[in-house]
C-alpha atoms as a PDB file:
ATOM      1  CA  MET A   1     -40.680 120.948-179.419  1.00  0.00           C
ATOM      2  CA  ARG A   2     -37.867 123.386-178.673  1.00  0.00           C
ATOM      3  CA  CYS A   3     -35.523 124.352-181.500  1.00  0.00           C
ATOM      4  CA  PRO A   4     -31.967 123.132-180.810  1.00  0.00           C
ATOM      5  CA  PHE A   5     -30.589 126.282-182.487  1.00  0.00           C
ATOM      6  CA  CYS A   6     -32.586 129.175-181.000  1.00  0.00           C
ATOM      7  CA  ASP A   7     -34.588 127.446-178.217  1.00  0.00           C
ATOM      8  CA  ALA A   8     -37.892 128.739-179.629  1.00  0.00           C
ATOM      9  CA  ASP A   9     -40.973 126.624-179.031  1.00  0.00           C
ATOM     10  CA  ASN A  10     -42.580 127.243-182.392  1.00  0.00           C
ATOM     11  CA  ASP A  11     -42.012 124.816-185.275  1.00  0.00           C
ATOM     12  CA  LYS A  12     -43.810 122.934-187.983  1.00  0.00           C
ATOM     13  CA  VAL A  13     -43.449 119.329-189.111  1.00  0.00           C
ATOM     14  CA  ILE A  14     -42.432 119.173-192.770  1.00  0.00           C
ATOM     15  CA  ASP A  15     -41.965 115.401-193.121  1.00  0.00           C
ATOM     16  CA  SER A  16     -42.888 112.271-191.112  1.00  0.00           C
ATOM     17  CA  ARG A  17     -41.938 108.706-191.847  1.00  0.00           C
ATOM     18  CA  PRO A  18     -41.264 105.448-190.036  1.00  0.00           C
ATOM     19  CA  GLY A  19     -37.681 105.122-188.908  1.00  0.00           C
ATOM     20  CA  GLU A  20     -35.472 102.507-187.264  1.00  0.00           C
ATOM     21  CA  ASP A  21     -37.279  99.432-188.603  1.00  0.00           C
ATOM     22  CA  GLY A  22     -40.704 100.779-187.644  1.00  0.00           C
ATOM     23  CA  SER A  23     -40.005 101.179-183.929  1.00  0.00           C
ATOM     24  CA  ALA A  24     -39.883 104.986-184.175  1.00  0.00           C
ATOM     25  CA  ILE A  25     -41.282 107.868-186.185  1.00  0.00           C
ATOM     26  CA  ARG A  26     -38.791 110.261-187.754  1.00  0.00           C
ATOM     27  CA  ARG A  27     -39.996 113.836-188.102  1.00  0.00           C
ATOM     28  CA  ARG A  28     -38.274 116.672-189.978  1.00  0.00           C
ATOM     29  CA  ARG A  29     -39.154 119.990-188.409  1.00  0.00           C
ATOM     30  CA  GLU A  30     -38.575 123.610-189.312  1.00  0.00           C
ATOM     31  CA  CYS A  31     -38.289 126.300-186.659  1.00  0.00           C
ATOM     32  CA  LEU A  32     -40.620 129.184-187.476  1.00  0.00           C
ATOM     33  CA  ALA A  33     -38.393 131.631-185.558  1.00  0.00           C
ATOM     34  CA  CYS A  34     -34.941 130.962-187.094  1.00  0.00           C
ATOM     35  CA  GLU A  35     -36.073 128.854-190.104  1.00  0.00           C
ATOM     36  CA  LYS A  36     -33.492 126.119-189.417  1.00  0.00           C
ATOM     37  CA  ARG A  37     -34.423 122.456-189.826  1.00  0.00           C
ATOM     38  CA  PHE A  38     -33.867 119.609-187.401  1.00  0.00           C
ATOM     39  CA  THR A  39     -34.904 115.989-186.940  1.00  0.00           C
ATOM     40  CA  THR A  40     -36.727 114.393-184.022  1.00  0.00           C
ATOM     41  CA  TYR A  41     -37.659 110.782-183.302  1.00  0.00           C
ATOM     42  CA  GLU A  42     -40.693 109.500-181.427  1.00  0.00           C
ATOM     43  CA  ARG A  43     -40.423 106.121-179.741  1.00  0.00           C
ATOM     44  CA  LEU A  44     -42.946 104.147-177.730  1.00  0.00           C
ATOM     45  CA  GLU A  45     -42.259 104.423-174.022  1.00  0.00           C
ATOM     46  CA  ARG A  46     -43.003 101.188-172.256  1.00  0.00           C
ATOM     47  CA  ALA A  47     -45.412 102.024-169.458  1.00  0.00           C
ATOM     48  CA  ALA A  48     -44.760  99.083-167.165  1.00  0.00           C
ATOM     49  CA  ARG A  49     -41.210  98.138-166.260  1.00  0.00           C
ATOM     50  CA  LEU A  50     -40.481  94.454-166.797  1.00  0.00           C
ATOM     51  CA  MET A  51     -38.825  92.933-163.743  1.00  0.00           C
ATOM     52  CA  VAL A  52     -36.334  90.074-163.922  1.00  0.00           C
ATOM     53  CA  VAL A  53     -36.546  87.432-161.190  1.00  0.00           C
ATOM     54  CA  LYS A  54     -33.020  86.247-160.452  1.00  0.00           C
ATOM     55  CA  ARG A  55     -32.146  82.719-159.298  1.00  0.00           C
ATOM     56  CA  ASP A  56     -31.854  83.886-155.692  1.00  0.00           C
ATOM     57  CA  GLY A  57     -35.403  85.311-155.844  1.00  0.00           C
ATOM     58  CA  SER A  58     -34.367  88.961-156.015  1.00  0.00           C
ATOM     59  CA  ARG A  59     -36.017  91.227-158.559  1.00  0.00           C
ATOM     60  CA  VAL A  60     -34.281  93.816-160.724  1.00  0.00           C
ATOM     61  CA  PRO A  61     -35.571  95.960-163.608  1.00  0.00           C
ATOM     62  CA  PHE A  62     -34.973  94.498-167.058  1.00  0.00           C
ATOM     63  CA  ASP A  63     -31.835  95.989-168.579  1.00  0.00           C
ATOM     64  CA  SER A  64     -31.270  95.534-172.300  1.00  0.00           C
ATOM     65  CA  GLY A  65     -27.634  96.539-171.726  1.00  0.00           C
ATOM     66  CA  SER A  66     -27.141  93.464-169.571  1.00  0.00           C
ATOM     67  CA  LEU A  67     -28.572  91.323-172.339  1.00  0.00           C
ATOM     68  CA  ALA A  68     -26.204  92.921-174.863  1.00  0.00           C
ATOM     69  CA  ARG A  69     -23.189  92.421-172.565  1.00  0.00           C
ATOM     70  CA  GLY A  70     -23.990  88.721-172.141  1.00  0.00           C
ATOM     71  CA  LEU A  71     -24.322  88.334-175.880  1.00  0.00           C
ATOM     72  CA  GLN A  72     -21.077  90.233-176.501  1.00  0.00           C
ATOM     73  CA  ALA A  73     -19.217  88.037-174.006  1.00  0.00           C
ATOM     74  CA  ALA A  74     -20.513  84.872-175.686  1.00  0.00           C
ATOM     75  CA  CYS A  75     -19.629  86.113-179.163  1.00  0.00           C
ATOM     76  CA  GLY A  76     -16.159  87.279-178.176  1.00  0.00           C
ATOM     77  CA  LYS A  77     -14.109  87.709-181.339  1.00  0.00           C
ATOM     78  CA  ARG A  78     -16.409  85.563-183.482  1.00  0.00           C
ATOM     79  CA  PRO A  79     -17.104  86.973-186.959  1.00  0.00           C
ATOM     80  CA  ILE A  80     -20.668  88.041-186.182  1.00  0.00           C
ATOM     81  CA  ALA A  81     -21.870  91.393-187.520  1.00  0.00           C
ATOM     82  CA  GLN A  82     -22.781  93.937-184.856  1.00  0.00           C
ATOM     83  CA  ASP A  83     -26.123  94.617-186.540  1.00  0.00           C
ATOM     84  CA  ALA A  84     -26.985  90.895-186.228  1.00  0.00           C
ATOM     85  CA  LYS A  85     -26.241  91.037-182.496  1.00  0.00           C
ATOM     86  CA  ASP A  86     -28.231  94.266-182.106  1.00  0.00           C
ATOM     87  CA  ARG A  87     -31.163  92.773-184.019  1.00  0.00           C
ATOM     88  CA  LEU A  88     -31.065  89.621-181.878  1.00  0.00           C
ATOM     89  CA  CYS A  89     -31.158  91.703-178.670  1.00  0.00           C
ATOM     90  CA  GLN A  90     -33.980  93.920-179.936  1.00  0.00           C
ATOM     91  CA  GLU A  91     -36.079  90.965-181.093  1.00  0.00           C
ATOM     92  CA  LEU A  92     -35.628  89.199-177.767  1.00  0.00           C
ATOM     93  CA  GLU A  93     -36.454  92.342-175.777  1.00  0.00           C
ATOM     94  CA  ASP A  94     -39.598  92.955-177.848  1.00  0.00           C
ATOM     95  CA  GLU A  95     -40.650  89.329-177.407  1.00  0.00           C
ATOM     96  CA  LEU A  96     -40.206  89.490-173.636  1.00  0.00           C
ATOM     97  CA  HIS A  97     -42.233  92.703-173.347  1.00  0.00           C
ATOM     98  CA  ARG A  98     -44.997  91.169-175.496  1.00  0.00           C
ATOM     99  CA  GLU A  99     -45.215  87.873-173.623  1.00  0.00           C
ATOM    100  CA  PHE A 100     -44.635  88.862-170.008  1.00  0.00           C
ATOM    101  CA  ASP A 101     -46.704  91.447-168.169  1.00  0.00           C
ATOM    102  CA  ARG A 102     -44.530  92.248-165.183  1.00  0.00           C
ATOM    103  CA  GLU A 103     -41.973  89.555-164.364  1.00  0.00           C
ATOM    104  CA  VAL A 104     -39.783  87.087-166.220  1.00  0.00           C
ATOM    105  CA  ALA A 105     -37.277  84.621-164.782  1.00  0.00           C
ATOM    106  CA  SER A 106     -33.638  85.224-165.650  1.00  0.00           C
ATOM    107  CA  ALA A 107     -33.414  81.521-166.567  1.00  0.00           C
ATOM    108  CA  GLU A 108     -36.122  82.087-169.218  1.00  0.00           C
ATOM    109  CA  ILE A 109     -34.229  85.027-170.701  1.00  0.00           C
ATOM    110  CA  GLY A 110     -31.049  82.933-170.798  1.00  0.00           C
ATOM    111  CA  ARG A 111     -32.860  79.995-172.402  1.00  0.00           C
ATOM    112  CA  ARG A 112     -34.299  82.194-175.147  1.00  0.00           C
ATOM    113  CA  LEU A 113     -30.956  83.879-175.775  1.00  0.00           C
ATOM    114  CA  ALA A 114     -29.253  80.470-175.951  1.00  0.00           C
ATOM    115  CA  THR A 115     -31.809  79.275-178.517  1.00  0.00           C
ATOM    116  CA  ARG A 116     -31.141  82.271-180.741  1.00  0.00           C
ATOM    117  CA  LEU A 117     -27.375  81.956-180.334  1.00  0.00           C
ATOM    118  CA  ARG A 118     -27.516  78.287-181.286  1.00  0.00           C
ATOM    119  CA  ASP A 119     -28.945  79.306-184.658  1.00  0.00           C
ATOM    120  CA  LEU A 120     -26.699  82.362-185.073  1.00  0.00           C
ATOM    121  CA  ASP A 121     -23.307  80.865-184.197  1.00  0.00           C
ATOM    122  CA  PRO A 122     -22.685  77.418-182.617  1.00  0.00           C
ATOM    123  CA  ILE A 123     -19.407  78.485-180.973  1.00  0.00           C
ATOM    124  CA  ALA A 124     -21.015  81.522-179.339  1.00  0.00           C
ATOM    125  CA  TYR A 125     -23.859  79.235-178.230  1.00  0.00           C
ATOM    126  CA  VAL A 126     -21.477  76.787-176.544  1.00  0.00           C
ATOM    127  CA  ARG A 127     -19.714  79.636-174.762  1.00  0.00           C
ATOM    128  CA  PHE A 128     -22.993  81.038-173.517  1.00  0.00           C
ATOM    129  CA  ALA A 129     -24.523  77.659-172.649  1.00  0.00           C
ATOM    130  CA  SER A 130     -21.503  76.545-170.621  1.00  0.00           C
ATOM    131  CA  GLU A 131     -21.912  79.606-168.404  1.00  0.00           C
ATOM    132  CA  HIS A 132     -25.715  79.834-168.349  1.00  0.00           C
ATOM    133  CA  TYR A 133     -26.395  76.152-167.751  1.00  0.00           C
ATOM    134  CA  GLY A 134     -23.362  75.836-165.465  1.00  0.00           C
ATOM    135  CA  PHE A 135     -21.790  72.714-166.883  1.00  0.00           C
ATOM    136  CA  ALA A 136     -20.100  71.016-163.942  1.00  0.00           C
ATOM    137  CA  SER A 137     -18.017  68.500-165.866  1.00  0.00           C
ATOM    138  CA  ILE A 138     -16.381  67.761-169.177  1.00  0.00           C
ATOM    139  CA  GLU A 139     -18.999  65.040-169.714  1.00  0.00           C
ATOM    140  CA  GLU A 140     -21.867  67.568-169.563  1.00  0.00           C
ATOM    141  CA  PHE A 141     -19.993  69.835-171.950  1.00  0.00           C
ATOM    142  CA  ALA A 142     -19.323  66.927-174.343  1.00  0.00           C
ATOM    143  CA  ALA A 143     -22.965  65.806-174.188  1.00  0.00           C
ATOM    144  CA  GLU A 144     -24.068  69.306-175.213  1.00  0.00           C
ATOM    145  CA  MET A 145     -21.585  69.266-178.096  1.00  0.00           C
ATOM    146  CA  VAL A 146     -22.970  65.917-179.315  1.00  0.00           C
ATOM    147  CA  ALA A 147     -26.557  67.212-179.037  1.00  0.00           C
ATOM    148  CA  LEU A 148     -25.590  70.324-180.983  1.00  0.00           C
ATOM    149  CA  GLN A 149     -23.928  68.270-183.738  1.00  0.00           C
ATOM    150  CA  ASN A 150     -26.911  65.909-184.023  1.00  0.00           C
ATOM    151  CA  ARG A 151     -29.509  68.686-184.070  1.00  0.00           C
ATOM    152  CA  PRO A 152     -30.959  69.358-187.513  1.00  0.00           C
ATOM    153  CA  ARG A 153     -30.249  72.830-188.871  1.00  0.00           C
ATOM    154  CA  PRO A 154     -33.324  75.077-188.964  1.00  0.00           C
ATOM    155  CA  LEU A 155     -34.734  76.061-192.316  1.00  0.00           C
ATOM    156  CA  PRO A 156     -34.419  79.724-193.331  1.00  0.00           C
ATOM    157  CA  ASN A 157     -36.928  81.914-191.440  1.00  0.00           C
ATOM    158  CA  GLU A 158     -37.646  79.070-189.022  1.00  0.00           C
ATOM    159  CA  ARG A 159     -36.959  79.447-185.346  1.00  0.00           C
ATOM    160  CA  GLU A 160     -37.584  77.080-182.493  1.00  0.00           C
ATOM    161  CA  LEU A 161     -39.952  79.043-180.262  1.00  0.00           C
ATOM    162  CA  PHE A 162     -40.011  76.794-177.236  1.00  0.00           C
ATOM    163  CA  PRO A 163     -37.139  74.295-177.196  1.00  0.00           C
ATOM    164  CA  PRO A 164     -37.031  71.722-174.427  1.00  0.00           C
ATOM    165  CA  ALA A 165     -35.843  73.368-171.231  1.00  0.00           C
ATOM    166  CA  ARG A 166     -32.612  72.187-169.705  1.00  0.00           C
ATOM    167  CA  PRO A 167     -32.864  70.951-166.125  1.00  0.00           C
ATOM    168  CA  GLU A 168     -32.179  73.644-163.542  1.00  0.00           C
ATOM    169  CA  ARG A 169     -29.231  73.180-161.215  1.00  0.00           C
ATOM    170  CA  THR A 170     -29.632  73.615-157.497  1.00  0.00           C
END
């Protein structure tokens, strides 16, 4: 590890601990040349790139930024803490990397994000669902609102892992 102060490649680790909710290791280091201290983080690099299969059949690399932008658009100016949105994105990304080896359909990503949004904020869910599921009429929108109102609220720490899939539009 090169020292950010003197560029020497001679240091010692003086402290290591889990950081960032266990997804990284935080190390405090001391440069043996200039004796200044600095912090580094080690994170797991995902070896295989997860590919997203779009509706038109094209394949693109998974981009967590795209997931975050979709979530941000759905949440708009809703009073949802940024750390809750970040946690939701990270949990979903981790789940996708665990469950899918190489490819995942964009519809599956959208379905899982919609499920989490439904529990996080019903208004954000309706915004996202209307775009993702492509409601074509007021009746479809109203039917989703009725289903949302009639759905029992999940218990704390309970999440619907595989909700019934909505029919795909052609």
